[in-house]
PDB file of N, CA and C in Angstrom:
ATOM      1  N   UNK A   1     -24.063  29.833  46.594  1.00  0.00           N
ATOM      2  CA  UNK A   1     -24.354  29.692  47.998  1.00  0.00           C
ATOM      3  C   UNK A   1     -25.193  28.432  48.183  1.00  0.00           C
ATOM      4  N   UNK A   2     -24.920  27.715  49.282  1.00  0.00           N
ATOM      5  CA  UNK A   2     -25.676  26.499  49.552  1.00  0.00           C
ATOM      6  C   UNK A   2     -25.986  26.418  51.040  1.00  0.00           C
ATOM      7  N   UNK A   3     -26.851  25.476  51.352  1.00  0.00           N
ATOM      8  CA  UNK A   3     -27.217  25.263  52.743  1.00  0.00           C
ATOM      9  C   UNK A   3     -27.186  23.759  52.996  1.00  0.00           C
ATOM     10  N   UNK A   4     -26.618  23.370  54.113  1.00  0.00           N
ATOM     11  CA  UNK A   4     -26.558  21.976  54.504  1.00  0.00           C
ATOM     12  C   UNK A   4     -27.311  21.800  55.816  1.00  0.00           C
ATOM     13  N   UNK A   5     -27.918  20.639  55.988  1.00  0.00           N
ATOM     14  CA  UNK A   5     -28.598  20.320  57.240  1.00  0.00           C
ATOM     15  C   UNK A   5     -28.253  18.888  57.618  1.00  0.00           C
ATOM     16  N   UNK A   6     -27.996  18.683  58.892  1.00  0.00           N
ATOM     17  CA  UNK A   6     -27.719  17.347  59.395  1.00  0.00           C
ATOM     18  C   UNK A   6     -28.643  17.103  60.579  1.00  0.00           C
ATOM     19  N   UNK A   7     -29.365  15.999  60.534  1.00  0.00           N
ATOM     20  CA  UNK A   7     -30.273  15.616  61.601  1.00  0.00           C
ATOM     21  C   UNK A   7     -29.726  14.345  62.242  1.00  0.00           C
ATOM     22  N   UNK A   8     -29.672  14.329  63.562  1.00  0.00           N
ATOM     23  CA  UNK A   8     -29.101  13.196  64.285  1.00  0.00           C
ATOM     24  C   UNK A   8     -30.129  12.688  65.284  1.00  0.00           C
ATOM     25  N   UNK A   9     -30.309  11.381  65.307  1.00  0.00           N
ATOM     26  CA  UNK A   9     -31.261  10.773  66.231  1.00  0.00           C
ATOM     27  C   UNK A   9     -30.709  10.812  67.656  1.00  0.00           C
ATOM     28  N   UNK A  10     -31.533  11.243  68.602  1.00  0.00           N
ATOM     29  CA  UNK A  10     -31.153  11.232  70.011  1.00  0.00           C
ATOM     30  C   UNK A  10     -32.259  10.571  70.820  1.00  0.00           C
ATOM     31  N   UNK A  11     -31.887  10.070  71.967  1.00  0.00           N
ATOM     32  CA  UNK A  11     -32.844   9.454  72.880  1.00  0.00           C
ATOM     33  C   UNK A  11     -33.411  10.543  73.785  1.00  0.00           C
ATOM     34  N   UNK A  12     -34.622  10.333  74.278  1.00  0.00           N
ATOM     35  CA  UNK A  12     -35.258  11.308  75.167  1.00  0.00           C
ATOM     36  C   UNK A  12     -34.386  11.599  76.388  1.00  0.00           C
ATOM     37  N   UNK A  13     -33.763  10.578  76.930  1.00  0.00           N
ATOM     38  CA  UNK A  13     -32.939  10.749  78.127  1.00  0.00           C
ATOM     39  C   UNK A  13     -31.733  11.653  77.873  1.00  0.00           C
ATOM     40  N   UNK A  14     -31.288  11.741  76.633  1.00  0.00           N
ATOM     41  CA  UNK A  14     -30.120  12.567  76.318  1.00  0.00           C
ATOM     42  C   UNK A  14     -30.424  14.063  76.356  1.00  0.00           C
ATOM     43  N   UNK A  15     -31.664  14.427  76.144  1.00  0.00           N
ATOM     44  CA  UNK A  15     -32.031  15.847  76.096  1.00  0.00           C
ATOM     45  C   UNK A  15     -31.639  16.549  77.390  1.00  0.00           C
ATOM     46  N   UNK A  16     -31.921  15.951  78.530  1.00  0.00           N
ATOM     47  CA  UNK A  16     -31.561  16.560  79.820  1.00  0.00           C
ATOM     48  C   UNK A  16     -30.047  16.707  79.940  1.00  0.00           C
ATOM     49  N   UNK A  17     -29.308  15.726  79.456  1.00  0.00           N
ATOM     50  CA  UNK A  17     -27.837  15.821  79.503  1.00  0.00           C
ATOM     51  C   UNK A  17     -27.348  16.970  78.637  1.00  0.00           C
ATOM     52  N   UNK A  18     -27.942  17.150  77.471  1.00  0.00           N
ATOM     53  CA  UNK A  18     -27.544  18.245  76.589  1.00  0.00           C
ATOM     54  C   UNK A  18     -27.896  19.600  77.206  1.00  0.00           C
ATOM     55  N   UNK A  19     -29.022  19.669  77.895  1.00  0.00           N
ATOM     56  CA  UNK A  19     -29.396  20.916  78.557  1.00  0.00           C
ATOM     57  C   UNK A  19     -28.423  21.239  79.692  1.00  0.00           C
ATOM     58  N   UNK A  20     -27.979  20.211  80.416  1.00  0.00           N
ATOM     59  CA  UNK A  20     -27.049  20.416  81.519  1.00  0.00           C
ATOM     60  C   UNK A  20     -25.630  20.709  81.030  1.00  0.00           C
ATOM     61  N   UNK A  21     -25.262  20.148  79.881  1.00  0.00           N
ATOM     62  CA  UNK A  21     -23.917  20.327  79.330  1.00  0.00           C
ATOM     63  C   UNK A  21     -24.042  20.640  77.844  1.00  0.00           C
ATOM     64  N   UNK A  22     -24.340  21.896  77.487  1.00  0.00           N
ATOM     65  CA  UNK A  22     -24.560  22.255  76.080  1.00  0.00           C
ATOM     66  C   UNK A  22     -23.382  21.928  75.160  1.00  0.00           C
ATOM     67  N   UNK A  23     -22.157  21.948  75.685  1.00  0.00           N
ATOM     68  CA  UNK A  23     -20.997  21.622  74.845  1.00  0.00           C
ATOM     69  C   UNK A  23     -21.033  20.186  74.335  1.00  0.00           C
ATOM     70  N   UNK A  24     -21.739  19.320  75.050  1.00  0.00           N
ATOM     71  CA  UNK A  24     -21.784  17.918  74.642  1.00  0.00           C
ATOM     72  C   UNK A  24     -22.583  17.710  73.352  1.00  0.00           C
ATOM     73  N   UNK A  25     -23.388  18.691  72.954  1.00  0.00           N
ATOM     74  CA  UNK A  25     -24.186  18.564  71.737  1.00  0.00           C
ATOM     75  C   UNK A  25     -23.293  18.444  70.502  1.00  0.00           C
ATOM     76  N   UNK A  26     -22.145  19.108  70.511  1.00  0.00           N
ATOM     77  CA  UNK A  26     -21.279  19.071  69.330  1.00  0.00           C
ATOM     78  C   UNK A  26     -20.833  17.660  68.981  1.00  0.00           C
ATOM     79  N   UNK A  27     -20.796  16.764  69.959  1.00  0.00           N
ATOM     80  CA  UNK A  27     -20.385  15.392  69.673  1.00  0.00           C
ATOM     81  C   UNK A  27     -21.389  14.673  68.766  1.00  0.00           C
ATOM     82  N   UNK A  28     -22.618  15.159  68.724  1.00  0.00           N
ATOM     83  CA  UNK A  28     -23.611  14.550  67.838  1.00  0.00           C
ATOM     84  C   UNK A  28     -23.209  14.684  66.369  1.00  0.00           C
ATOM     85  N   UNK A  29     -22.483  15.724  66.061  1.00  0.00           N
ATOM     86  CA  UNK A  29     -22.156  16.010  64.668  1.00  0.00           C
ATOM     87  C   UNK A  29     -20.724  15.647  64.318  1.00  0.00           C
ATOM     88  N   UNK A  30     -20.044  14.964  65.221  1.00  0.00           N
ATOM     89  CA  UNK A  30     -18.679  14.520  64.963  1.00  0.00           C
ATOM     90  C   UNK A  30     -18.700  13.399  63.928  1.00  0.00           C
ATOM     91  N   UNK A  31     -17.594  13.217  63.284  1.00  0.00           N
ATOM     92  CA  UNK A  31     -17.469  12.171  62.267  1.00  0.00           C
ATOM     93  C   UNK A  31     -17.722  10.812  62.907  1.00  0.00           C
ATOM     94  N   UNK A  32     -18.753  10.146  62.485  1.00  0.00           N
ATOM     95  CA  UNK A  32     -19.138   8.866  63.069  1.00  0.00           C
ATOM     96  C   UNK A  32     -18.265   7.709  62.597  1.00  0.00           C
ATOM     97  N   UNK A  33     -17.349   7.943  61.659  1.00  0.00           N
ATOM     98  CA  UNK A  33     -16.533   6.856  61.147  1.00  0.00           C
ATOM     99  C   UNK A  33     -15.344   6.551  62.046  1.00  0.00           C
ATOM    100  N   UNK A  34     -15.047   7.426  63.009  1.00  0.00           N
ATOM    101  CA  UNK A  34     -13.933   7.194  63.918  1.00  0.00           C
ATOM    102  C   UNK A  34     -14.228   5.959  64.767  1.00  0.00           C
ATOM    103  N   UNK A  35     -13.290   5.088  64.882  1.00  0.00           N
ATOM    104  CA  UNK A  35     -13.464   3.875  65.665  1.00  0.00           C
ATOM    105  C   UNK A  35     -13.153   4.182  67.123  1.00  0.00           C
ATOM    106  N   UNK A  36     -14.106   4.776  67.804  1.00  0.00           N
ATOM    107  CA  UNK A  36     -13.919   5.229  69.168  1.00  0.00           C
ATOM    108  C   UNK A  36     -13.587   4.090  70.114  1.00  0.00           C
ATOM    109  N   UNK A  37     -14.238   2.962  69.963  1.00  0.00           N
ATOM    110  CA  UNK A  37     -14.011   1.861  70.889  1.00  0.00           C
ATOM    111  C   UNK A  37     -12.560   1.418  70.864  1.00  0.00           C
ATOM    112  N   UNK A  38     -11.967   1.354  69.697  1.00  0.00           N
ATOM    113  CA  UNK A  38     -10.561   0.965  69.594  1.00  0.00           C
ATOM    114  C   UNK A  38      -9.647   1.963  70.266  1.00  0.00           C
ATOM    115  N   UNK A  39      -9.928   3.233  70.097  1.00  0.00           N
ATOM    116  CA  UNK A  39      -9.099   4.257  70.732  1.00  0.00           C
ATOM    117  C   UNK A  39      -9.329   4.324  72.233  1.00  0.00           C
ATOM    118  N   UNK A  40     -10.558   4.039  72.664  1.00  0.00           N
ATOM    119  CA  UNK A  40     -10.817   4.029  74.095  1.00  0.00           C
ATOM    120  C   UNK A  40     -10.054   2.911  74.789  1.00  0.00           C
ATOM    121  N   UNK A  41      -9.827   1.834  74.066  1.00  0.00           N
ATOM    122  CA  UNK A  41      -9.121   0.677  74.627  1.00  0.00           C
ATOM    123  C   UNK A  41      -7.686   0.619  74.123  1.00  0.00           C
ATOM    124  N   UNK A  42      -7.035   1.762  74.019  1.00  0.00           N
ATOM    125  CA  UNK A  42      -5.687   1.800  73.474  1.00  0.00           C
ATOM    126  C   UNK A  42      -4.709   1.052  74.371  1.00  0.00           C
ATOM    127  N   UNK A  43      -3.658   0.588  73.760  1.00  0.00           N
ATOM    128  CA  UNK A  43      -2.665  -0.202  74.481  1.00  0.00           C
ATOM    129  C   UNK A  43      -1.922   0.664  75.495  1.00  0.00           C
ATOM    130  N   UNK A  44      -1.271   0.002  76.407  1.00  0.00           N
ATOM    131  CA  UNK A  44      -0.484   0.707  77.427  1.00  0.00           C
ATOM    132  C   UNK A  44       0.628   1.520  76.768  1.00  0.00           C
ATOM    133  N   UNK A  45       1.191   0.997  75.679  1.00  0.00           N
ATOM    134  CA  UNK A  45       2.254   1.729  74.976  1.00  0.00           C
ATOM    135  C   UNK A  45       1.717   3.029  74.377  1.00  0.00           C
ATOM    136  N   UNK A  46       0.525   2.961  73.790  1.00  0.00           N
ATOM    137  CA  UNK A  46      -0.084   4.165  73.227  1.00  0.00           C
ATOM    138  C   UNK A  46      -0.386   5.176  74.326  1.00  0.00           C
ATOM    139  N   UNK A  47      -0.915   4.698  75.428  1.00  0.00           N
ATOM    140  CA  UNK A  47      -1.210   5.590  76.539  1.00  0.00           C
ATOM    141  C   UNK A  47       0.069   6.241  77.056  1.00  0.00           C
ATOM    142  N   UNK A  48       1.135   5.473  77.130  1.00  0.00           N
ATOM    143  CA  UNK A  48       2.422   6.008  77.573  1.00  0.00           C
ATOM    144  C   UNK A  48       2.943   7.096  76.653  1.00  0.00           C
ATOM    145  N   UNK A  49       2.783   6.890  75.352  1.00  0.00           N
ATOM    146  CA  UNK A  49       3.234   7.915  74.398  1.00  0.00           C
ATOM    147  C   UNK A  49       2.441   9.203  74.546  1.00  0.00           C
ATOM    148  N   UNK A  50       1.147   9.080  74.758  1.00  0.00           N
ATOM    149  CA  UNK A  50       0.321  10.274  74.951  1.00  0.00           C
ATOM    150  C   UNK A  50       0.736  10.995  76.225  1.00  0.00           C
ATOM    151  N   UNK A  51       0.976  10.234  77.286  1.00  0.00           N
ATOM    152  CA  UNK A  51       1.381  10.853  78.551  1.00  0.00           C
ATOM    153  C   UNK A  51       2.716  11.576  78.439  1.00  0.00           C
ATOM    154  N   UNK A  52       3.662  11.000  77.709  1.00  0.00           N
ATOM    155  CA  UNK A  52       4.996  11.598  77.644  1.00  0.00           C
ATOM    156  C   UNK A  52       5.153  12.628  76.530  1.00  0.00           C
ATOM    157  N   UNK A  53       4.548  12.379  75.367  1.00  0.00           N
ATOM    158  CA  UNK A  53       4.741  13.275  74.233  1.00  0.00           C
ATOM    159  C   UNK A  53       3.599  14.259  74.035  1.00  0.00           C
ATOM    160  N   UNK A  54       2.418  13.916  74.506  1.00  0.00           N
ATOM    161  CA  UNK A  54       1.242  14.754  74.288  1.00  0.00           C
ATOM    162  C   UNK A  54       1.382  16.184  74.780  1.00  0.00           C
ATOM    163  N   UNK A  55       1.831  16.387  76.023  1.00  0.00           N
ATOM    164  CA  UNK A  55       1.933  17.758  76.513  1.00  0.00           C
ATOM    165  C   UNK A  55       2.860  18.642  75.668  1.00  0.00           C
ATOM    166  N   UNK A  56       4.008  18.097  75.255  1.00  0.00           N
ATOM    167  CA  UNK A  56       4.931  18.896  74.448  1.00  0.00           C
ATOM    168  C   UNK A  56       4.346  19.223  73.076  1.00  0.00           C
ATOM    169  N   UNK A  57       3.655  18.285  72.498  1.00  0.00           N
ATOM    170  CA  UNK A  57       3.046  18.545  71.181  1.00  0.00           C
ATOM    171  C   UNK A  57       1.944  19.595  71.280  1.00  0.00           C
ATOM    172  N   UNK A  58       1.147  19.503  72.318  1.00  0.00           N
ATOM    173  CA  UNK A  58       0.095  20.500  72.517  1.00  0.00           C
ATOM    174  C   UNK A  58       0.724  21.869  72.776  1.00  0.00           C
ATOM    175  N   UNK A  59       1.783  21.907  73.582  1.00  0.00           N
ATOM    176  CA  UNK A  59       2.467  23.173  73.866  1.00  0.00           C
ATOM    177  C   UNK A  59       3.002  23.796  72.579  1.00  0.00           C
ATOM    178  N   UNK A  60       3.561  22.986  71.697  1.00  0.00           N
ATOM    179  CA  UNK A  60       4.084  23.506  70.431  1.00  0.00           C
ATOM    180  C   UNK A  60       2.964  24.099  69.587  1.00  0.00           C
ATOM    181  N   UNK A  61       1.822  23.444  69.568  1.00  0.00           N
ATOM    182  CA  UNK A  61       0.670  23.957  68.817  1.00  0.00           C
ATOM    183  C   UNK A  61       0.137  25.231  69.456  1.00  0.00           C
ATOM    184  N   UNK A  62      -0.020  25.221  70.773  1.00  0.00           N
ATOM    185  CA  UNK A  62      -0.530  26.392  71.480  1.00  0.00           C
ATOM    186  C   UNK A  62       0.354  27.614  71.274  1.00  0.00           C
ATOM    187  N   UNK A  63       1.665  27.403  71.200  1.00  0.00           N
ATOM    188  CA  UNK A  63       2.585  28.538  71.068  1.00  0.00           C
ATOM    189  C   UNK A  63       2.388  29.308  69.769  1.00  0.00           C
ATOM    190  N   UNK A  64       1.745  28.689  68.779  1.00  0.00           N
ATOM    191  CA  UNK A  64       1.508  29.343  67.490  1.00  0.00           C
ATOM    192  C   UNK A  64       0.135  30.002  67.402  1.00  0.00           C
ATOM    193  N   UNK A  65      -0.666  29.899  68.441  1.00  0.00           N
ATOM    194  CA  UNK A  65      -2.032  30.442  68.427  1.00  0.00           C
ATOM    195  C   UNK A  65      -2.050  31.901  68.884  1.00  0.00           C
ATOM    196  N   UNK A  66      -3.071  32.640  68.464  1.00  0.00           N
ATOM    197  CA  UNK A  66      -3.241  33.998  68.988  1.00  0.00           C
ATOM    198  C   UNK A  66      -3.408  33.954  70.512  1.00  0.00           C
ATOM    199  N   UNK A  67      -2.890  34.959  71.180  1.00  0.00           N
ATOM    200  CA  UNK A  67      -2.875  35.003  72.648  1.00  0.00           C
ATOM    201  C   UNK A  67      -4.229  34.739  73.302  1.00  0.00           C
ATOM    202  N   UNK A  68      -5.320  35.400  72.888  1.00  0.00           N
ATOM    203  CA  UNK A  68      -6.608  35.147  73.565  1.00  0.00           C
ATOM    204  C   UNK A  68      -7.069  33.686  73.441  1.00  0.00           C
ATOM    205  N   UNK A  69      -6.884  33.102  72.266  1.00  0.00           N
ATOM    206  CA  UNK A  69      -7.283  31.710  72.073  1.00  0.00           C
ATOM    207  C   UNK A  69      -6.397  30.785  72.897  1.00  0.00           C
ATOM    208  N   UNK A  70      -5.099  31.044  72.908  1.00  0.00           N
ATOM    209  CA  UNK A  70      -4.171  30.224  73.688  1.00  0.00           C
ATOM    210  C   UNK A  70      -4.555  30.258  75.161  1.00  0.00           C
ATOM    211  N   UNK A  71      -4.860  31.430  75.684  1.00  0.00           N
ATOM    212  CA  UNK A  71      -5.234  31.549  77.094  1.00  0.00           C
ATOM    213  C   UNK A  71      -6.530  30.799  77.393  1.00  0.00           C
ATOM    214  N   UNK A  72      -7.468  30.856  76.479  1.00  0.00           N
ATOM    215  CA  UNK A  72      -8.733  30.143  76.673  1.00  0.00           C
ATOM    216  C   UNK A  72      -8.494  28.635  76.718  1.00  0.00           C
ATOM    217  N   UNK A  73      -7.665  28.132  75.815  1.00  0.00           N
ATOM    218  CA  UNK A  73      -7.376  26.697  75.792  1.00  0.00           C
ATOM    219  C   UNK A  73      -6.572  26.262  77.014  1.00  0.00           C
ATOM    220  N   UNK A  74      -5.639  27.091  77.427  1.00  0.00           N
ATOM    221  CA  UNK A  74      -4.882  26.779  78.645  1.00  0.00           C
ATOM    222  C   UNK A  74      -5.828  26.670  79.844  1.00  0.00           C
ATOM    223  N   UNK A  75      -6.773  27.589  79.923  1.00  0.00           N
ATOM    224  CA  UNK A  75      -7.732  27.562  81.033  1.00  0.00           C
ATOM    225  C   UNK A  75      -8.571  26.291  81.000  1.00  0.00           C
ATOM    226  N   UNK A  76      -8.972  25.871  79.804  1.00  0.00           N
ATOM    227  CA  UNK A  76      -9.807  24.668  79.717  1.00  0.00           C
ATOM    228  C   UNK A  76      -9.022  23.412  80.076  1.00  0.00           C
ATOM    229  N   UNK A  77      -7.721  23.420  79.824  1.00  0.00           N
ATOM    230  CA  UNK A  77      -6.882  22.266  80.186  1.00  0.00           C
ATOM    231  C   UNK A  77      -6.326  22.373  81.602  1.00  0.00           C
ATOM    232  N   UNK A  78      -6.392  23.572  82.181  1.00  0.00           N
ATOM    233  CA  UNK A  78      -5.859  23.749  83.526  1.00  0.00           C
ATOM    234  C   UNK A  78      -4.348  23.714  83.580  1.00  0.00           C
ATOM    235  N   UNK A  79      -3.697  24.027  82.465  1.00  0.00           N
ATOM    236  CA  UNK A  79      -2.237  24.023  82.384  1.00  0.00           C
ATOM    237  C   UNK A  79      -1.781  25.160  81.479  1.00  0.00           C
ATOM    238  N   UNK A  80      -0.643  25.743  81.797  1.00  0.00           N
ATOM    239  CA  UNK A  80      -0.066  26.750  80.908  1.00  0.00           C
ATOM    240  C   UNK A  80       0.724  26.055  79.807  1.00  0.00           C
ATOM    241  N   UNK A  81       0.976  26.783  78.742  1.00  0.00           N
ATOM    242  CA  UNK A  81       1.790  26.244  77.653  1.00  0.00           C
ATOM    243  C   UNK A  81       3.174  25.879  78.169  1.00  0.00           C
ATOM    244  N   UNK A  82       3.737  26.716  79.036  1.00  0.00           N
ATOM    245  CA  UNK A  82       5.061  26.436  79.594  1.00  0.00           C
ATOM    246  C   UNK A  82       5.061  25.136  80.410  1.00  0.00           C
ATOM    247  N   UNK A  83       4.009  24.923  81.185  1.00  0.00           N
ATOM    248  CA  UNK A  83       3.917  23.697  81.988  1.00  0.00           C
ATOM    249  C   UNK A  83       3.838  22.470  81.086  1.00  0.00           C
ATOM    250  N   UNK A  84       3.052  22.574  80.006  1.00  0.00           N
ATOM    251  CA  UNK A  84       2.951  21.434  79.092  1.00  0.00           C
ATOM    252  C   UNK A  84       4.273  21.207  78.358  1.00  0.00           C
ATOM    253  N   UNK A  85       4.957  22.286  78.002  1.00  0.00           N
ATOM    254  CA  UNK A  85       6.268  22.147  77.344  1.00  0.00           C
ATOM    255  C   UNK A  85       7.250  21.427  78.258  1.00  0.00           C
ATOM    256  N   UNK A  86       7.059  21.561  79.567  1.00  0.00           N
ATOM    257  CA  UNK A  86       7.907  20.878  80.549  1.00  0.00           C
ATOM    258  C   UNK A  86       7.438  19.445  80.798  1.00  0.00           C
ATOM    259  N   UNK A  87       6.369  19.024  80.120  1.00  0.00           N
ATOM    260  CA  UNK A  87       5.898  17.646  80.227  1.00  0.00           C
ATOM    261  C   UNK A  87       4.765  17.417  81.193  1.00  0.00           C
ATOM    262  N   UNK A  88       4.217  18.467  81.764  1.00  0.00           N
ATOM    263  CA  UNK A  88       3.118  18.303  82.727  1.00  0.00           C
ATOM    264  C   UNK A  88       1.788  18.069  82.022  1.00  0.00           C
ATOM    265  N   UNK A  89       0.923  17.285  82.660  1.00  0.00           N
ATOM    266  CA  UNK A  89      -0.450  17.148  82.191  1.00  0.00           C
ATOM    267  C   UNK A  89      -0.743  15.957  81.305  1.00  0.00           C
ATOM    268  N   UNK A  90       0.182  15.040  81.149  1.00  0.00           N
ATOM    269  CA  UNK A  90      -0.046  13.896  80.280  1.00  0.00           C
ATOM    270  C   UNK A  90      -1.245  13.058  80.674  1.00  0.00           C
ATOM    271  N   UNK A  91      -1.407  12.797  81.968  1.00  0.00           N
ATOM    272  CA  UNK A  91      -2.555  12.005  82.435  1.00  0.00           C
ATOM    273  C   UNK A  91      -3.864  12.735  82.160  1.00  0.00           C
ATOM    274  N   UNK A  92      -3.861  14.043  82.376  1.00  0.00           N
ATOM    275  CA  UNK A  92      -5.079  14.824  82.137  1.00  0.00           C
ATOM    276  C   UNK A  92      -5.449  14.833  80.661  1.00  0.00           C
ATOM    277  N   UNK A  93      -4.464  14.921  79.789  1.00  0.00           N
ATOM    278  CA  UNK A  93      -4.719  14.910  78.341  1.00  0.00           C
ATOM    279  C   UNK A  93      -5.301  13.563  77.929  1.00  0.00           C
ATOM    280  N   UNK A  94      -4.742  12.490  78.443  1.00  0.00           N
ATOM    281  CA  UNK A  94      -5.248  11.149  78.131  1.00  0.00           C
ATOM    282  C   UNK A  94      -6.691  10.992  78.608  1.00  0.00           C
ATOM    283  N   UNK A  95      -7.004  11.436  79.803  1.00  0.00           N
ATOM    284  CA  UNK A  95      -8.377  11.357  80.324  1.00  0.00           C
ATOM    285  C   UNK A  95      -9.332  12.182  79.471  1.00  0.00           C
ATOM    286  N   UNK A  96      -8.897  13.373  79.075  1.00  0.00           N
ATOM    287  CA  UNK A  96      -9.729  14.234  78.239  1.00  0.00           C
ATOM    288  C   UNK A  96     -10.009  13.581  76.887  1.00  0.00           C
ATOM    289  N   UNK A  97      -8.984  12.983  76.287  1.00  0.00           N
ATOM    290  CA  UNK A  97      -9.177  12.279  75.005  1.00  0.00           C
ATOM    291  C   UNK A  97     -10.182  11.148  75.153  1.00  0.00           C
ATOM    292  N   UNK A  98     -10.030  10.348  76.186  1.00  0.00           N
ATOM    293  CA  UNK A  98     -10.922   9.213  76.385  1.00  0.00           C
ATOM    294  C   UNK A  98     -12.358   9.678  76.656  1.00  0.00           C
ATOM    295  N   UNK A  99     -12.503  10.763  77.403  1.00  0.00           N
ATOM    296  CA  UNK A  99     -13.827  11.292  77.687  1.00  0.00           C
ATOM    297  C   UNK A  99     -14.494  11.781  76.395  1.00  0.00           C
ATOM    298  N   UNK A 100     -13.751  12.503  75.571  1.00  0.00           N
ATOM    299  CA  UNK A 100     -14.306  13.022  74.321  1.00  0.00           C
ATOM    300  C   UNK A 100     -14.674  11.879  73.373  1.00  0.00           C
ATOM    301  N   UNK A 101     -13.850  10.848  73.306  1.00  0.00           N
ATOM    302  CA  UNK A 101     -14.158   9.708  72.442  1.00  0.00           C
ATOM    303  C   UNK A 101     -15.400   8.973  72.933  1.00  0.00           C
ATOM    304  N   UNK A 102     -15.537   8.836  74.228  1.00  0.00           N
ATOM    305  CA  UNK A 102     -16.708   8.156  74.778  1.00  0.00           C
ATOM    306  C   UNK A 102     -17.983   8.940  74.485  1.00  0.00           C
ATOM    307  N   UNK A 103     -17.881  10.272  74.471  1.00  0.00           N
ATOM    308  CA  UNK A 103     -19.054  11.106  74.216  1.00  0.00           C
ATOM    309  C   UNK A 103     -19.509  11.028  72.763  1.00  0.00           C
ATOM    310  N   UNK A 104     -18.631  10.598  71.864  1.00  0.00           N
ATOM    311  CA  UNK A 104     -18.987  10.542  70.438  1.00  0.00           C
ATOM    312  C   UNK A 104     -19.960   9.418  70.132  1.00  0.00           C
ATOM    313  N   UNK A 105     -19.937   8.392  70.924  1.00  0.00           N
ATOM    314  CA  UNK A 105     -20.818   7.246  70.676  1.00  0.00           C
ATOM    315  C   UNK A 105     -22.213   7.559  71.185  1.00  0.00           C
ATOM    316  N   UNK A 106     -23.171   6.778  70.751  1.00  0.00           N
ATOM    317  CA  UNK A 106     -24.532   6.911  71.255  1.00  0.00           C
ATOM    318  C   UNK A 106     -24.580   6.510  72.710  1.00  0.00           C
ATOM    319  N   UNK A 107     -25.724   6.642  73.338  1.00  0.00           N
ATOM    320  CA  UNK A 107     -25.834   6.358  74.764  1.00  0.00           C
ATOM    321  C   UNK A 107     -25.469   4.927  75.123  1.00  0.00           C
ATOM    322  N   UNK A 108     -25.642   4.008  74.213  1.00  0.00           N
ATOM    323  CA  UNK A 108     -25.285   2.619  74.494  1.00  0.00           C
ATOM    324  C   UNK A 108     -24.121   2.152  73.615  1.00  0.00           C
ATOM    325  N   UNK A 109     -23.368   3.084  73.038  1.00  0.00           N
ATOM    326  CA  UNK A 109     -22.200   2.752  72.235  1.00  0.00           C
ATOM    327  C   UNK A 109     -22.497   2.426  70.787  1.00  0.00           C
ATOM    328  N   UNK A 110     -23.764   2.427  70.384  1.00  0.00           N
ATOM    329  CA  UNK A 110     -24.097   2.097  69.002  1.00  0.00           C
ATOM    330  C   UNK A 110     -23.971   3.326  68.117  1.00  0.00           C
ATOM    331  N   UNK A 111     -23.895   3.086  66.829  1.00  0.00           N
ATOM    332  CA  UNK A 111     -23.825   4.195  65.884  1.00  0.00           C
ATOM    333  C   UNK A 111     -25.196   4.849  65.782  1.00  0.00           C
ATOM    334  N   UNK A 112     -25.215   6.169  65.733  1.00  0.00           N
ATOM    335  CA  UNK A 112     -26.463   6.924  65.655  1.00  0.00           C
ATOM    336  C   UNK A 112     -26.980   6.965  64.227  1.00  0.00           C
ATOM    337  N   UNK A 113     -28.294   7.125  64.105  1.00  0.00           N
ATOM    338  CA  UNK A 113     -28.910   7.349  62.809  1.00  0.00           C
ATOM    339  C   UNK A 113     -28.714   8.819  62.450  1.00  0.00           C
ATOM    340  N   UNK A 114     -28.249   9.067  61.215  1.00  0.00           N
ATOM    341  CA  UNK A 114     -27.968  10.431  60.759  1.00  0.00           C
ATOM    342  C   UNK A 114     -28.592  10.627  59.391  1.00  0.00           C
ATOM    343  N   UNK A 115     -29.202  11.801  59.179  1.00  0.00           N
ATOM    344  CA  UNK A 115     -29.736  12.174  57.895  1.00  0.00           C
ATOM    345  C   UNK A 115     -29.049  13.485  57.489  1.00  0.00           C
ATOM    346  N   UNK A 116     -28.406  13.486  56.348  1.00  0.00           N
ATOM    347  CA  UNK A 116     -27.700  14.674  55.879  1.00  0.00           C
ATOM    348  C   UNK A 116     -28.336  15.155  54.578  1.00  0.00           C
ATOM    349  N   UNK A 117     -28.713  16.418  54.546  1.00  0.00           N
ATOM    350  CA  UNK A 117     -29.283  17.046  53.341  1.00  0.00           C
ATOM    351  C   UNK A 117     -28.267  18.041  52.832  1.00  0.00           C
ATOM    352  N   UNK A 118     -27.792  17.819  51.627  1.00  0.00           N
ATOM    353  CA  UNK A 118     -26.786  18.723  51.053  1.00  0.00           C
ATOM    354  C   UNK A 118     -27.249  19.240  49.726  1.00  0.00           C
TER     355      UNK A 118
END
């Protein structure tokens, strides 16, 4: 049995944001090696592929999930699996991806200081 601890540097101003949106705290522990800036500035072709293919791929994944989890995810996306299978929601998926990637960076886009004890 082992125990791991990860400490992440945050700014004082971020504390209020985390209190208002507790789900945003998980982004502190996301893999910092992802090149978020590059993905945030994806080409028009990449954005088009996400808009057209993203909903169907998500629908295929959702269809294999247990019913309660699938319903929870559908509610968070505001779309049913059937609607996504029909191609609906591409713009919303792209916006959600960009929002999540933007949240991974520090408040000014710099990499955060992290201390990991393993």
